[in-house]
Amino acid sequence: MKIVLATGNAGKARELGAMLGTQVTVEVVPAGFVVDETGETFFQNALLKARAARGITPDDVLVLADDSGLAVHSLGGRPGINSARYAGAEATDDDNCTRLLDELRGTADRRAAFVCVLVALAADDTMTVACGTCSGQITLARRGQGGFGYDPLFVPDGRTDAMAQMTAAQKNAISHRGRAARQLACALGVAA
């Protein structure tokens, strides 16, 4: 099965490609692919990206779009769908992490969850949707050098290491994206 990922995020593309297994060939959309994420939910934004990519992808290819982010309990679910742009439109991962740590300074309730929604669209508009979550806590300071996004600040429930301190295999086994990818692979009939 050939899949085109509707993302310019190299970290997401790398992770999803590894998670979907050897029965799947994964490519990314052409450079310059940009979709205004005007939805109010992860699902709506993933669907917007999938439909836009479907319009520029050959019929024999499945389009896959991801929308994901971090929902922090004490911030009412923020940064949520704005996770990638939390510190501004041109924000880096470091900028976003700094803003989150600043906003949580002095806050005892550091519960959070990563959320991932995957939408796959076939040429005939058949849609497959998968969702995964990973609950945990926001740390007081960055930990580790791996991963991307908020990984240096997030310790999954039942673990002591931040996501950025884990190997890719350890992270993929418990992450929101890993859970969604395994659910999607099962729905599509491919081994993840």
C-alpha atoms as a PDB file:
ATOM      1  CA  MET A   1       0.000   0.000   0.000  1.00  0.00           C
ATOM      2  CA  LYS A   2       1.294   3.437  -0.915  1.00  0.00           C
ATOM      3  CA  ILE A   3       0.477   6.375   1.366  1.00  0.00           C
ATOM      4  CA  VAL A   4       1.102  10.088   0.965  1.00  0.00           C
ATOM      5  CA  LEU A   5       1.274  11.982   4.241  1.00  0.00           C
ATOM      6  CA  ALA A   6      -0.310  15.416   4.180  1.00  0.00           C
ATOM      7  CA  THR A   7       2.353  17.059   6.317  1.00  0.00           C
ATOM      8  CA  GLY A   8       5.439  19.154   6.047  1.00  0.00           C
ATOM      9  CA  ASN A   9       6.475  18.100   9.573  1.00  0.00           C
ATOM     10  CA  ALA A  10       9.478  15.825   9.112  1.00  0.00           C
ATOM     11  CA  GLY A  11       9.149  14.468  12.672  1.00  0.00           C
ATOM     12  CA  LYS A  12       5.566  13.335  12.103  1.00  0.00           C
ATOM     13  CA  ALA A  13       6.439  11.831   8.724  1.00  0.00           C
ATOM     14  CA  ARG A  14       9.363   9.892  10.179  1.00  0.00           C
ATOM     15  CA  GLU A  15       7.307   8.574  13.094  1.00  0.00           C
ATOM     16  CA  LEU A  16       4.250   7.593  11.059  1.00  0.00           C
ATOM     17  CA  GLY A  17       6.333   5.911   8.382  1.00  0.00           C
ATOM     18  CA  ALA A  18       8.027   3.735  11.003  1.00  0.00           C
ATOM     19  CA  MET A  19       4.766   2.944  12.781  1.00  0.00           C
ATOM     20  CA  LEU A  20       2.733   1.823   9.778  1.00  0.00           C
ATOM     21  CA  GLY A  21       4.969  -1.156   9.054  1.00  0.00           C
ATOM     22  CA  THR A  22       6.736  -2.706   6.107  1.00  0.00           C
ATOM     23  CA  GLN A  23       3.609  -3.349   4.027  1.00  0.00           C
ATOM     24  CA  VAL A  24       3.279   0.395   3.536  1.00  0.00           C
ATOM     25  CA  THR A  25       5.349   2.784   1.444  1.00  0.00           C
ATOM     26  CA  VAL A  26       5.145   6.311   2.814  1.00  0.00           C
ATOM     27  CA  GLU A  27       5.883   9.548   0.975  1.00  0.00           C
ATOM     28  CA  VAL A  28       5.201  13.149   1.941  1.00  0.00           C
ATOM     29  CA  VAL A  29       3.300  15.756  -0.046  1.00  0.00           C
ATOM     30  CA  PRO A  30       5.363  17.971  -2.339  1.00  0.00           C
ATOM     31  CA  ALA A  31       7.296  20.817  -0.746  1.00  0.00           C
ATOM     32  CA  GLY A  32       5.220  23.926  -0.276  1.00  0.00           C
ATOM     33  CA  PHE A  33       2.017  22.077   0.650  1.00  0.00           C
ATOM     34  CA  VAL A  34       0.233  24.302   3.152  1.00  0.00           C
ATOM     35  CA  VAL A  35      -3.331  24.133   4.433  1.00  0.00           C
ATOM     36  CA  ASP A  36      -4.995  26.750   6.601  1.00  0.00           C
ATOM     37  CA  GLU A  37      -6.024  24.852   9.710  1.00  0.00           C
ATOM     38  CA  THR A  38      -9.344  26.601  10.249  1.00  0.00           C
ATOM     39  CA  GLY A  39     -11.067  23.708  12.019  1.00  0.00           C
ATOM     40  CA  GLU A  40     -12.022  23.811  15.677  1.00  0.00           C
ATOM     41  CA  THR A  41     -11.036  20.198  16.425  1.00  0.00           C
ATOM     42  CA  PHE A  42      -8.159  17.850  15.646  1.00  0.00           C
ATOM     43  CA  PHE A  43     -10.509  15.844  13.404  1.00  0.00           C
ATOM     44  CA  GLN A  44     -11.627  18.890  11.417  1.00  0.00           C
ATOM     45  CA  ASN A  45      -8.039  19.998  10.799  1.00  0.00           C
ATOM     46  CA  ALA A  46      -6.907  16.504   9.820  1.00  0.00           C
ATOM     47  CA  LEU A  47      -9.816  16.262   7.379  1.00  0.00           C
ATOM     48  CA  LEU A  48      -8.962  19.660   5.857  1.00  0.00           C
ATOM     49  CA  LYS A  49      -5.388  18.494   5.244  1.00  0.00           C
ATOM     50  CA  ALA A  50      -6.485  15.108   3.883  1.00  0.00           C
ATOM     51  CA  ARG A  51      -8.925  16.667   1.413  1.00  0.00           C
ATOM     52  CA  ALA A  52      -6.338  19.182   0.209  1.00  0.00           C
ATOM     53  CA  ALA A  53      -3.741  16.447  -0.322  1.00  0.00           C
ATOM     54  CA  ARG A  54      -6.314  14.173  -1.973  1.00  0.00           C
ATOM     55  CA  GLY A  55      -6.744  16.848  -4.641  1.00  0.00           C
ATOM     56  CA  ILE A  56      -3.070  16.643  -5.687  1.00  0.00           C
ATOM     57  CA  THR A  57      -2.460  12.904  -5.225  1.00  0.00           C
ATOM     58  CA  PRO A  58      -2.879  10.101  -7.796  1.00  0.00           C
ATOM     59  CA  ASP A  59      -5.918   7.826  -7.384  1.00  0.00           C
ATOM     60  CA  ASP A  60      -3.850   4.722  -6.609  1.00  0.00           C
ATOM     61  CA  VAL A  61      -2.454   6.320  -3.445  1.00  0.00           C
ATOM     62  CA  LEU A  62      -4.081   6.615  -0.014  1.00  0.00           C
ATOM     63  CA  VAL A  63      -3.799  10.071   1.546  1.00  0.00           C
ATOM     64  CA  LEU A  64      -3.145  10.262   5.272  1.00  0.00           C
ATOM     65  CA  ALA A  65      -3.362  13.400   7.398  1.00  0.00           C
ATOM     66  CA  ASP A  66      -2.549  13.879  11.048  1.00  0.00           C
ATOM     67  CA  ASP A  67      -3.598  16.586  13.428  1.00  0.00           C
ATOM     68  CA  SER A  68      -2.256  16.321  16.895  1.00  0.00           C
ATOM     69  CA  GLY A  69      -1.305  18.368  19.865  1.00  0.00           C
ATOM     70  CA  LEU A  70      -1.031  18.748  23.583  1.00  0.00           C
ATOM     71  CA  ALA A  71      -4.005  19.422  25.848  1.00  0.00           C
ATOM     72  CA  VAL A  72      -3.096  20.716  29.311  1.00  0.00           C
ATOM     73  CA  HIS A  73      -5.757  20.320  31.997  1.00  0.00           C
ATOM     74  CA  SER A  74      -5.052  23.491  34.001  1.00  0.00           C
ATOM     75  CA  LEU A  75      -5.008  25.547  30.776  1.00  0.00           C
ATOM     76  CA  GLY A  76      -8.479  24.434  29.739  1.00  0.00           C
ATOM     77  CA  GLY A  77      -7.100  22.161  27.004  1.00  0.00           C
ATOM     78  CA  ARG A  78      -4.642  24.647  25.543  1.00  0.00           C
ATOM     79  CA  PRO A  79      -2.497  24.659  23.499  1.00  0.00           C
ATOM     80  CA  GLY A  80      -4.715  22.015  21.802  1.00  0.00           C
ATOM     81  CA  ILE A  81      -5.198  22.522  18.072  1.00  0.00           C
ATOM     82  CA  ASN A  82      -2.796  25.478  18.267  1.00  0.00           C
ATOM     83  CA  SER A  83       0.074  23.406  19.670  1.00  0.00           C
ATOM     84  CA  ALA A  84       2.421  24.040  16.728  1.00  0.00           C
ATOM     85  CA  ARG A  85       1.679  27.788  16.790  1.00  0.00           C
ATOM     86  CA  TYR A  86       1.325  28.284  20.545  1.00  0.00           C
ATOM     87  CA  ALA A  87       4.043  30.930  20.786  1.00  0.00           C
ATOM     88  CA  GLY A  88       3.161  32.512  17.415  1.00  0.00           C
ATOM     89  CA  ALA A  89       2.847  31.700  13.727  1.00  0.00           C
ATOM     90  CA  GLU A  90       6.595  31.286  13.232  1.00  0.00           C
ATOM     91  CA  ALA A  91       7.262  29.639  16.614  1.00  0.00           C
ATOM     92  CA  THR A  92       9.886  26.944  16.985  1.00  0.00           C
ATOM     93  CA  ASP A  93       9.486  23.888  19.214  1.00  0.00           C
ATOM     94  CA  ASP A  94      11.719  25.648  21.745  1.00  0.00           C
ATOM     95  CA  ASP A  95       9.539  28.775  21.663  1.00  0.00           C
ATOM     96  CA  ASN A  96       6.402  26.705  22.283  1.00  0.00           C
ATOM     97  CA  CYS A  97       8.005  24.799  25.162  1.00  0.00           C
ATOM     98  CA  THR A  98       9.169  28.058  26.737  1.00  0.00           C
ATOM     99  CA  ARG A  99       5.674  29.560  26.562  1.00  0.00           C
ATOM    100  CA  LEU A 100       4.132  26.441  28.099  1.00  0.00           C
ATOM    101  CA  LEU A 101       6.635  26.379  30.974  1.00  0.00           C
ATOM    102  CA  ASP A 102       6.064  30.095  31.569  1.00  0.00           C
ATOM    103  CA  GLU A 103       2.286  29.658  31.685  1.00  0.00           C
ATOM    104  CA  LEU A 104       2.532  26.728  34.089  1.00  0.00           C
ATOM    105  CA  ARG A 105       5.027  28.384  36.447  1.00  0.00           C
ATOM    106  CA  GLY A 106       3.675  27.935  39.977  1.00  0.00           C
ATOM    107  CA  THR A 107       0.873  25.595  38.837  1.00  0.00           C
ATOM    108  CA  ALA A 108       0.559  22.365  40.815  1.00  0.00           C
ATOM    109  CA  ASP A 109      -1.834  20.660  38.371  1.00  0.00           C
ATOM    110  CA  ARG A 110       0.410  19.657  35.475  1.00  0.00           C
ATOM    111  CA  ARG A 111      -1.809  16.928  33.981  1.00  0.00           C
ATOM    112  CA  ALA A 112      -1.814  16.811  30.196  1.00  0.00           C
ATOM    113  CA  ALA A 113      -2.503  14.525  27.278  1.00  0.00           C
ATOM    114  CA  PHE A 114      -1.152  14.248  23.776  1.00  0.00           C
ATOM    115  CA  VAL A 115      -3.944  13.691  21.225  1.00  0.00           C
ATOM    116  CA  CYS A 116      -3.627  12.448  17.648  1.00  0.00           C
ATOM    117  CA  VAL A 117      -6.316  12.087  14.989  1.00  0.00           C
ATOM    118  CA  LEU A 118      -5.462  10.382  11.697  1.00  0.00           C
ATOM    119  CA  VAL A 119      -7.708  10.667   8.653  1.00  0.00           C
ATOM    120  CA  ALA A 120      -7.077   8.458   5.617  1.00  0.00           C
ATOM    121  CA  LEU A 121      -8.856   9.246   2.345  1.00  0.00           C
ATOM    122  CA  ALA A 122      -9.040   6.955  -0.662  1.00  0.00           C
ATOM    123  CA  ALA A 123      -9.692   8.255  -4.186  1.00  0.00           C
ATOM    124  CA  ASP A 124     -13.386   7.271  -3.869  1.00  0.00           C
ATOM    125  CA  ASP A 125     -13.647   9.418  -0.680  1.00  0.00           C
ATOM    126  CA  THR A 126     -13.759   6.376   1.602  1.00  0.00           C
ATOM    127  CA  MET A 127     -12.591   7.723   4.937  1.00  0.00           C
ATOM    128  CA  THR A 128     -10.859   5.868   7.758  1.00  0.00           C
ATOM    129  CA  VAL A 129     -10.353   7.690  11.066  1.00  0.00           C
ATOM    130  CA  ALA A 130      -8.182   6.691  14.019  1.00  0.00           C
ATOM    131  CA  CYS A 131      -7.536   8.456  17.303  1.00  0.00           C
ATOM    132  CA  GLY A 132      -4.934   7.948  19.999  1.00  0.00           C
ATOM    133  CA  THR A 133      -4.150   9.638  23.297  1.00  0.00           C
ATOM    134  CA  CYS A 134      -1.332   9.496  25.819  1.00  0.00           C
ATOM    135  CA  SER A 135      -1.877  10.946  29.301  1.00  0.00           C
ATOM    136  CA  GLY A 136       0.885  12.281  31.478  1.00  0.00           C
ATOM    137  CA  GLN A 137       2.387  15.267  33.263  1.00  0.00           C
ATOM    138  CA  ILE A 138       4.260  18.389  32.189  1.00  0.00           C
ATOM    139  CA  THR A 139       7.731  18.579  33.725  1.00  0.00           C
ATOM    140  CA  LEU A 140       9.208  21.630  35.466  1.00  0.00           C
ATOM    141  CA  ALA A 141      12.063  21.811  32.934  1.00  0.00           C
ATOM    142  CA  ARG A 142      13.104  20.281  29.619  1.00  0.00           C
ATOM    143  CA  ARG A 143      14.493  16.743  29.678  1.00  0.00           C
ATOM    144  CA  GLY A 144      16.251  14.864  26.874  1.00  0.00           C
ATOM    145  CA  GLN A 145      17.295  15.625  23.332  1.00  0.00           C
ATOM    146  CA  GLY A 146      15.118  13.257  21.300  1.00  0.00           C
ATOM    147  CA  GLY A 147      11.706  13.615  19.728  1.00  0.00           C
ATOM    148  CA  PHE A 148      10.216  16.932  18.728  1.00  0.00           C
ATOM    149  CA  GLY A 149       7.536  19.380  19.796  1.00  0.00           C
ATOM    150  CA  TYR A 150       6.677  19.139  23.479  1.00  0.00           C
ATOM    151  CA  ASP A 151       8.457  15.783  23.986  1.00  0.00           C
ATOM    152  CA  PRO A 152      11.090  17.297  26.357  1.00  0.00           C
ATOM    153  CA  LEU A 153       8.292  18.456  28.702  1.00  0.00           C
ATOM    154  CA  PHE A 154       6.008  15.419  28.750  1.00  0.00           C
ATOM    155  CA  VAL A 155       6.294  12.390  31.047  1.00  0.00           C
ATOM    156  CA  PRO A 156       3.681   9.721  30.236  1.00  0.00           C
ATOM    157  CA  ASP A 157       1.697   8.224  33.098  1.00  0.00           C
ATOM    158  CA  GLY A 158       3.514   5.265  34.624  1.00  0.00           C
ATOM    159  CA  ARG A 159       6.910   6.429  33.343  1.00  0.00           C
ATOM    160  CA  THR A 160       9.741   8.495  34.777  1.00  0.00           C
ATOM    161  CA  ASP A 161      11.396   9.562  31.516  1.00  0.00           C
ATOM    162  CA  ALA A 162      10.179  12.401  29.329  1.00  0.00           C
ATOM    163  CA  MET A 163       9.268  11.427  25.766  1.00  0.00           C
ATOM    164  CA  ALA A 164      12.470  13.156  24.577  1.00  0.00           C
ATOM    165  CA  GLN A 165      14.529  10.752  26.745  1.00  0.00           C
ATOM    166  CA  MET A 166      13.049   7.619  25.166  1.00  0.00           C
ATOM    167  CA  THR A 167      14.217   5.699  22.160  1.00  0.00           C
ATOM    168  CA  ALA A 168      11.974   5.978  19.111  1.00  0.00           C
ATOM    169  CA  ALA A 169      10.701   2.436  19.719  1.00  0.00           C
ATOM    170  CA  GLN A 170       9.861   3.166  23.374  1.00  0.00           C
ATOM    171  CA  LYS A 171       8.040   6.366  22.442  1.00  0.00           C
ATOM    172  CA  ASN A 172       6.136   4.803  19.540  1.00  0.00           C
ATOM    173  CA  ALA A 173       4.930   1.956  21.759  1.00  0.00           C
ATOM    174  CA  ILE A 174       3.035   4.318  24.083  1.00  0.00           C
ATOM    175  CA  SER A 175       2.545   7.588  22.213  1.00  0.00           C
ATOM    176  CA  HIS A 176      -0.699   9.095  20.979  1.00  0.00           C
ATOM    177  CA  ARG A 177       0.537   8.826  17.396  1.00  0.00           C
ATOM    178  CA  GLY A 178       1.629   5.213  17.885  1.00  0.00           C
ATOM    179  CA  ARG A 179      -1.768   4.256  19.272  1.00  0.00           C
ATOM    180  CA  ALA A 180      -3.589   6.005  16.415  1.00  0.00           C
ATOM    181  CA  ALA A 181      -1.264   4.449  13.813  1.00  0.00           C
ATOM    182  CA  ARG A 182      -1.823   0.921  15.147  1.00  0.00           C
ATOM    183  CA  GLN A 183      -5.590   1.501  15.137  1.00  0.00           C
ATOM    184  CA  LEU A 184      -5.416   2.805  11.548  1.00  0.00           C
ATOM    185  CA  ALA A 185      -3.194  -0.064  10.389  1.00  0.00           C
ATOM    186  CA  CYS A 186      -5.678  -2.555  11.820  1.00  0.00           C
ATOM    187  CA  ALA A 187      -8.595  -0.788  10.100  1.00  0.00           C
ATOM    188  CA  LEU A 188      -6.716  -0.786   6.771  1.00  0.00           C
ATOM    189  CA  GLY A 189      -5.655  -4.421   7.106  1.00  0.00           C
ATOM    190  CA  VAL A 190      -1.898  -3.819   7.170  1.00  0.00           C
ATOM    191  CA  ALA A 191       0.466  -5.013   9.872  1.00  0.00           C
ATOM    192  CA  ALA A 192       1.811  -2.136  11.919  1.00  0.00           C
END
